[in-house]
Protein backbone atom coordinates (compact mmCIF):
# COMPACT_ATOMS: atom_id res chain seq x y z
CA UNK A 1 -4.67 106.93 109.12
CA UNK A 2 -2.06 105.02 106.88
CA UNK A 3 -3.10 103.38 103.50
CA UNK A 4 -1.55 100.48 102.70
CA UNK A 5 -1.92 99.28 98.70
CA UNK A 6 -3.03 95.54 97.87
CA UNK A 7 0.51 93.63 98.35
CA UNK A 8 1.25 91.06 95.65
CA UNK A 9 1.76 87.94 96.13
CA UNK A 10 5.79 87.38 97.10
CA UNK A 11 5.77 83.88 95.45
CA UNK A 12 4.91 85.74 91.84
CA UNK A 13 6.97 88.72 91.95
CA UNK A 14 9.92 87.49 90.18
CA UNK A 15 12.01 88.60 93.14
CA UNK A 16 14.43 86.46 93.03
CA UNK A 17 17.91 86.39 90.89
CA UNK A 18 18.79 84.40 88.60
CA UNK A 19 20.60 80.80 89.32
CA UNK A 20 19.58 81.35 93.42
CA UNK A 21 20.35 79.36 95.60
CA UNK A 22 19.84 79.32 99.26
CA UNK A 23 21.65 80.74 102.03
CA UNK A 24 22.12 77.47 103.85
CA UNK A 25 22.04 75.08 101.04
CA UNK A 26 23.31 71.52 101.59
CA UNK A 27 25.24 72.31 98.91
CA UNK A 28 27.53 74.22 101.00
CA UNK A 29 28.20 72.07 103.84
CA UNK A 30 30.42 69.49 102.18
CA UNK A 31 32.56 68.01 99.25
CA UNK A 32 34.54 70.59 97.30
CA UNK A 33 31.86 73.28 97.01
CA UNK A 34 32.05 73.46 101.59
CA UNK A 35 32.20 76.93 102.26
CA UNK A 36 35.71 77.98 103.58
CA UNK A 37 35.83 79.54 106.57
CA UNK A 38 38.86 81.47 106.19
CA UNK A 39 40.55 83.97 103.59
CA UNK A 40 43.40 81.56 103.46
CA UNK A 41 41.05 78.78 102.70
CA UNK A 42 39.78 80.89 99.77
CA UNK A 43 41.50 79.16 96.65
CA UNK A 44 40.99 79.24 92.68
CA UNK A 45 40.05 75.66 92.73
CA UNK A 46 36.72 76.13 95.15
CA UNK A 47 35.88 79.87 93.02
CA UNK A 48 36.46 77.71 89.83
CA UNK A 49 33.29 75.01 91.63
CA UNK A 50 31.43 78.57 93.31
CA UNK A 51 31.03 80.69 89.83
CA UNK A 52 30.25 77.82 87.95
CA UNK A 53 27.28 77.43 90.03
CA UNK A 54 26.55 80.49 90.21
CA UNK A 55 26.35 81.00 86.14
CA UNK A 56 29.58 82.88 85.76
CA UNK A 57 31.87 80.42 84.35
CA UNK A 58 31.18 78.00 81.16
CA UNK A 59 31.07 74.05 82.56
CA UNK A 60 34.66 74.22 81.79
CA UNK A 61 35.63 77.45 82.57
CA UNK A 62 38.01 78.00 85.30
CA UNK A 63 39.70 80.95 87.70
CA UNK A 64 43.44 80.17 86.63
CA UNK A 65 44.70 82.49 89.32
CA UNK A 66 43.36 84.51 92.64
CA UNK A 67 45.48 87.27 94.46
CA UNK A 68 43.94 87.95 97.11
CA UNK A 69 44.73 90.52 99.88
CA UNK A 70 42.96 91.18 103.26
CA UNK A 71 41.70 94.67 104.04
CA UNK A 72 40.16 96.34 107.43
CA UNK A 73 42.88 94.71 109.90
CA UNK A 74 42.65 96.24 113.13
CA UNK A 75 39.28 98.29 111.82
CA UNK A 76 37.31 97.15 114.53
CA UNK A 77 35.33 95.04 111.45
CA UNK A 78 32.96 92.97 112.50
CA UNK A 79 34.14 90.56 109.54
CA UNK A 80 37.38 89.38 108.18
CA UNK A 81 37.84 90.74 104.52
CA UNK A 82 39.52 90.53 101.00
CA UNK A 83 39.90 92.15 98.18
CA UNK A 84 40.10 89.57 95.81
CA UNK A 85 41.34 89.78 91.90
CA UNK A 86 40.92 86.75 90.07
CA UNK A 87 41.62 85.29 86.39
CA UNK A 88 39.12 83.85 83.77
CA UNK A 89 39.48 81.09 81.56
CA UNK A 90 35.55 80.41 80.16
CA UNK A 91 34.44 83.41 81.77
CA UNK A 92 30.13 84.26 80.85
CA UNK A 93 29.15 87.66 80.12
CA UNK A 94 29.53 89.73 82.94
CA UNK A 95 31.53 87.58 85.24
CA UNK A 96 33.25 89.62 87.83
CA UNK A 97 37.21 90.10 88.23
CA UNK A 98 37.38 91.67 91.26
CA UNK A 99 35.14 91.07 94.07
CA UNK A 100 35.46 91.65 98.02
CA UNK A 101 35.44 88.56 100.12
CA UNK A 102 33.85 88.85 103.45
CA UNK A 103 34.19 86.40 105.89
CA UNK A 104 32.41 85.45 109.63
CA UNK A 105 35.59 86.73 111.53
CA UNK A 106 37.15 84.39 113.25
CA UNK A 107 38.71 86.19 116.10
CA UNK A 108 35.63 87.66 117.41
CA UNK A 109 35.48 87.66 121.37
CA UNK A 110 33.06 90.87 121.96
CA UNK A 111 30.30 89.53 120.52
CA UNK A 112 28.20 86.59 121.44
CA UNK A 113 28.37 83.76 118.47
CA UNK A 114 24.39 84.02 117.96
CA UNK A 115 24.66 87.72 117.74
CA UNK A 116 27.41 87.15 114.88
CA UNK A 117 25.39 84.49 113.29
CA UNK A 118 22.09 85.90 113.16
CA UNK A 119 23.46 89.25 112.19
CA UNK A 120 25.25 87.65 109.17
CA UNK A 121 22.58 85.18 108.58
CA UNK A 122 21.42 89.00 107.63
CA UNK A 123 23.15 90.40 105.20
CA UNK A 124 23.78 87.21 103.25
CA UNK A 125 19.83 86.86 103.20
CA UNK A 126 19.54 90.42 102.14
CA UNK A 127 22.18 90.50 99.14
CA UNK A 128 21.25 87.18 97.72
CA UNK A 129 17.50 86.62 98.04
CA UNK A 130 16.47 89.04 96.16
CA UNK A 131 17.37 91.35 93.27
CA UNK A 132 18.40 94.69 93.59
CA UNK A 133 14.72 95.85 92.50
CA UNK A 134 12.95 92.84 94.66
CA UNK A 135 14.73 93.88 97.75
CA UNK A 136 13.64 97.10 97.17
CA UNK A 137 17.16 99.03 98.15
CA UNK A 138 20.07 99.93 96.23
CA UNK A 139 23.24 98.46 96.94
CA UNK A 140 25.97 96.48 95.10
CA UNK A 141 26.18 93.56 93.52
CA UNK A 142 26.74 90.20 95.12
CA UNK A 143 27.92 86.95 93.67
CA UNK A 144 27.60 84.73 95.66
CA UNK A 145 25.90 84.18 99.40
CA UNK A 146 26.35 80.97 101.41
CA UNK A 147 26.71 80.03 105.68
CA UNK A 148 28.02 76.62 106.05
CA UNK A 149 25.59 75.50 109.11
CA UNK A 150 27.93 74.68 111.99
CA UNK A 151 28.76 76.25 115.83
CA UNK A 152 30.75 78.12 114.53
CA UNK A 153 29.01 81.23 112.56
CA UNK A 154 30.65 80.58 108.75
CA UNK A 155 29.52 82.59 106.01
CA UNK A 156 30.83 83.93 102.95
CA UNK A 157 29.37 86.71 100.64
CA UNK A 158 31.67 87.82 97.24
CA UNK A 159 30.42 91.49 96.58
CA UNK A 160 30.98 94.22 94.08
CA UNK A 161 34.11 96.13 94.50
CA UNK A 162 32.60 99.89 94.43
CA UNK A 163 35.37 102.61 93.77
CA UNK A 164 34.03 104.78 91.07
CA UNK A 165 31.50 106.29 93.63
CA UNK A 166 31.41 109.21 96.14
CA UNK A 167 32.01 108.33 99.75
CA UNK A 168 31.52 110.16 102.99
CA UNK A 169 31.65 109.64 106.58
CA UNK A 170 29.51 110.72 109.87
CA UNK A 171 32.58 112.37 111.20
CA UNK A 172 32.96 114.39 107.94
CA UNK A 173 29.09 114.83 106.83
CA UNK A 174 28.15 115.59 103.95
CA UNK A 175 27.23 118.71 102.73
CA UNK A 176 25.29 117.93 99.03
CA UNK A 177 21.71 117.90 99.72
CA UNK A 178 21.80 116.14 96.77
CA UNK A 179 22.73 113.14 98.12
CA UNK A 180 20.87 113.36 101.62
CA UNK A 181 17.86 113.85 99.82
CA UNK A 182 18.61 110.28 97.22
CA UNK A 183 19.33 108.23 100.57
CA UNK A 184 16.54 109.17 102.13
CA UNK A 185 14.65 108.29 99.22
CA UNK A 186 16.06 105.17 98.81
CA UNK A 187 15.35 104.55 102.16
CA UNK A 188 11.60 105.38 101.54
CA UNK A 189 11.95 103.11 98.55
CA UNK A 190 12.77 100.24 100.73
CA UNK A 191 9.91 100.96 103.44
CA UNK A 192 7.45 101.20 100.56
CA UNK A 193 8.30 97.89 99.45
CA UNK A 194 8.03 96.21 101.99
CA UNK A 195 5.17 97.95 104.50
CA UNK A 196 3.13 96.24 106.97
CA UNK A 197 4.81 92.71 105.42
CA UNK A 198 4.44 89.63 108.16
CA UNK A 199 7.26 87.96 109.68
CA UNK A 200 7.49 85.00 106.48
CA UNK A 201 9.02 84.07 103.32
CA UNK A 202 10.40 85.97 101.66
CA UNK A 203 11.38 88.05 105.22
CA UNK A 204 11.43 84.87 108.01
CA UNK A 205 14.66 85.20 109.03
CA UNK A 206 13.77 88.96 109.81
CA UNK A 207 13.76 89.88 113.55
CA UNK A 208 10.36 90.86 113.83
CA UNK A 209 9.41 93.09 117.60
CA UNK A 210 6.70 90.29 118.54
CA UNK A 211 8.30 87.39 117.59
CA UNK A 212 11.27 85.50 119.35
CA UNK A 213 14.48 87.11 119.93
CA UNK A 214 12.80 90.51 118.68
CA UNK A 215 10.77 90.83 121.68
CA UNK A 216 13.64 90.61 123.98
CA UNK A 217 16.12 93.29 122.51
CA UNK A 218 12.51 95.59 122.16
CA UNK A 219 11.57 94.89 125.65
CA UNK A 220 11.64 98.23 128.03
CA UNK A 221 14.15 95.72 130.42
CA UNK A 222 16.53 95.94 127.40
CA UNK A 223 16.18 99.29 126.63
CA UNK A 224 16.64 100.51 130.10
CA UNK A 225 19.82 98.47 130.54
CA UNK A 226 21.71 99.47 126.86
CA UNK A 227 20.35 103.01 127.63
CA UNK A 228 22.15 103.25 131.34
CA UNK A 229 25.37 100.96 129.75
CA UNK A 230 25.45 104.06 126.62
CA UNK A 231 24.64 106.67 129.30
CA UNK A 232 27.64 105.24 131.69
CA UNK A 233 30.55 104.60 128.53
CA UNK A 234 29.82 108.42 126.79
CA UNK A 235 30.53 109.76 130.74
CA UNK A 236 33.91 108.21 130.91
CA UNK A 237 34.86 108.16 127.57
CA UNK A 238 33.92 111.28 126.44
CA UNK A 239 31.74 113.91 127.93
CA UNK A 240 32.42 116.93 126.76
CA UNK A 241 31.40 115.60 123.20
CA UNK A 242 28.39 113.92 124.57
CA UNK A 243 27.50 116.86 126.39
CA UNK A 244 24.34 117.27 124.63
CA UNK A 245 22.93 113.71 125.16
CA UNK A 246 23.98 113.68 128.95
CA UNK A 247 22.39 116.44 129.41
CA UNK A 248 19.04 114.47 128.16
CA UNK A 249 19.98 111.95 130.00
CA UNK A 250 16.92 112.14 132.96
CA UNK A 251 14.74 113.01 129.85
CA UNK A 252 15.68 109.48 128.04
CA UNK A 253 15.24 107.66 131.11
CA UNK A 254 11.95 108.85 132.03
CA UNK A 255 10.78 108.56 128.21
CA UNK A 256 12.30 104.91 128.07
CA UNK A 257 8.70 103.35 128.35
CA UNK A 258 7.53 105.62 125.65
CA UNK A 259 10.65 105.00 123.04
CA UNK A 260 9.51 100.81 123.47
CA UNK A 261 5.59 101.89 122.82
CA UNK A 262 6.28 103.89 119.65
CA UNK A 263 9.00 101.42 118.29
CA UNK A 264 6.41 98.13 118.97
CA UNK A 265 3.25 99.53 117.77
CA UNK A 266 2.90 98.67 114.11
CA UNK A 267 2.59 99.01 111.09
CA UNK A 268 6.01 97.67 111.04
CA UNK A 269 8.67 97.34 107.48
CA UNK A 270 11.82 95.95 106.66
CA UNK A 271 14.67 98.96 107.55
CA UNK A 272 18.78 98.87 107.15
CA UNK A 273 18.85 99.01 110.78
CA UNK A 274 22.43 100.87 110.00
CA UNK A 275 21.78 103.66 107.85
CA UNK A 276 24.42 106.16 108.08
CA UNK A 277 26.98 107.79 105.56
CA UNK A 278 29.59 105.26 106.03
CA UNK A 279 26.85 103.23 104.71
CA UNK A 280 26.53 104.52 101.64
CA UNK A 281 28.08 105.03 97.62
CA UNK A 282 26.74 107.65 95.71
CA UNK A 283 27.15 107.14 92.32
CA UNK A 284 24.22 107.73 89.18
CA UNK A 285 24.35 104.06 87.82
CA UNK A 286 23.24 103.35 91.13
CA UNK A 287 18.72 103.45 91.12
CA UNK A 288 18.12 106.24 93.21
CA UNK A 289 21.55 107.73 92.96
CA UNK A 290 23.11 105.55 95.48
CA UNK A 291 23.96 102.49 96.80
CA UNK A 292 23.67 100.58 100.64
CA UNK A 293 26.07 98.27 102.28
CA UNK A 294 26.12 96.37 105.53
CA UNK A 295 22.75 95.19 106.19
CA UNK A 296 23.48 93.22 109.49
CA UNK A 297 20.52 94.79 111.20
CA UNK A 298 17.88 94.69 108.80
CA UNK A 299 14.51 94.00 110.61
CA UNK A 300 11.17 94.60 110.52
CA UNK A 301 10.62 98.07 112.56
CA UNK A 302 9.01 101.24 112.55
CA UNK A 303 10.49 103.46 109.25
CA UNK A 304 11.62 106.21 111.69
CA UNK A 305 14.14 103.93 112.80
CA UNK A 306 15.96 104.69 109.71
CA UNK A 307 15.07 108.72 108.76
CA UNK A 308 15.70 109.01 112.84
CA UNK A 309 19.53 106.95 113.19
CA UNK A 310 20.27 108.56 109.73
CA UNK A 311 19.76 112.11 110.79
CA UNK A 312 21.14 111.35 114.04
CA UNK A 313 24.40 110.00 112.66
CA UNK A 314 24.88 113.12 110.32
CA UNK A 315 26.81 115.53 111.32
CA UNK A 316 24.99 118.53 109.06
CA UNK A 317 22.32 117.08 110.88
CA UNK A 318 19.81 120.81 110.15
CA UNK A 319 21.08 120.57 105.99
CA UNK A 320 19.42 116.90 105.83
CA UNK A 321 16.47 117.78 107.69
CA UNK A 322 15.61 120.83 105.97
CA UNK A 323 16.22 119.20 102.58
CA UNK A 324 13.94 116.15 103.65
CA UNK A 325 10.93 118.52 104.49
CA UNK A 326 11.22 119.98 100.90
CA UNK A 327 11.82 116.62 98.71
CA UNK A 328 8.96 115.13 100.77
CA UNK A 329 6.22 116.94 99.12
CA UNK A 330 7.80 117.17 96.08
CA UNK A 331 8.02 112.54 96.19
CA UNK A 332 4.36 112.48 97.32
CA UNK A 333 3.23 113.45 94.57
CA UNK A 334 4.48 110.82 92.16
CA UNK A 335 4.39 108.23 94.86
CA UNK A 336 2.20 105.36 95.77
CA UNK A 337 -0.19 105.03 97.89
CA UNK A 338 2.31 103.43 100.25
CA UNK A 339 5.06 105.06 99.45
CA UNK A 340 3.15 108.07 100.27
CA UNK A 341 2.32 107.06 104.11
CA UNK A 342 6.11 106.69 104.72
CA UNK A 343 7.49 109.96 103.09
CA UNK A 344 5.14 111.67 105.35
CA UNK A 345 5.71 110.44 108.07
CA UNK A 346 9.56 110.85 107.24
CA UNK A 347 8.92 114.05 107.08
CA UNK A 348 6.68 114.96 110.05
CA UNK A 349 8.00 112.45 112.73
CA UNK A 350 11.14 114.46 113.49
CA UNK A 351 9.73 117.91 113.81
CA UNK A 352 7.52 116.67 115.91
CA UNK A 353 10.18 114.88 118.11
CA UNK A 354 11.94 118.17 118.66
CA UNK A 355 8.71 119.94 120.03
CA UNK A 356 8.33 116.82 122.28
CA UNK A 357 12.11 117.46 123.60
CA UNK A 358 10.89 121.15 123.95
């Protein structure tokens, strides 16, 4: 039986950051505070107003210059991004002079608008609505996250530049067992923080397998459709690379109802949804020794989804799995009852999955 400690009222948690403003506040829709939709529309006048509102500039402080350099063009990123270098007059302590600006894509034709809006809204809420400690998952600082409600998705996030961290890729993998342990431990902290939380404030924006769009995305029909398309793409794209998965195609198709049942059976918690090495920075200055980015796929779901995705996309799968199992008993000794449940589930589930496949 999974145990769960009594949840403290979220309203009393102090989870909101200083100067909290809702992502979709009316002030971001009109006038001089209207959220710009494109990189080229971002100027020192708008940044001056925004940084004053968010408490980074004195009342008469201003951005005297801004250097904008677009990044990520042609890399298939689901956002328009730029590096900003600011010169500030009247800056308050901790005011950022460098940041990443992340916009909703203006030339996105591969995904429906509602998916783009849904994913960027998830990310904006997680960055904006919680302190790092309150959200439960280490991440870079967010200086502003705002949405201008309109037919075309219009979002802007101003985020910390992280250039002092160790990074890895899914292709290159990671051989540092300590870093693999840090990543899985941080995910366990997120899962423990939001264990069995309902889809209501402060997570009213999160997809849920039993409600709204979640009922569609977690349905047997959608899973079968997605699996069929994925297998077809593997056969056409790189059949040799995906040969092990293609060999399981019949088993995966037969097991689809069981997979859906497992994914839609409580308990649920908030999951990252895209936990792989490209989305993690490793540095001692972060809580848990790492920080996660790209929170667009956050949802209320089974915690094993994060663990399985991380292990499944990590090229050093064996090292990650062994380290996870070795680390979990030590972590369980000091964990709260709810966190211990998450750790234990993560520890035993991958071996069980392998045994069932055999």
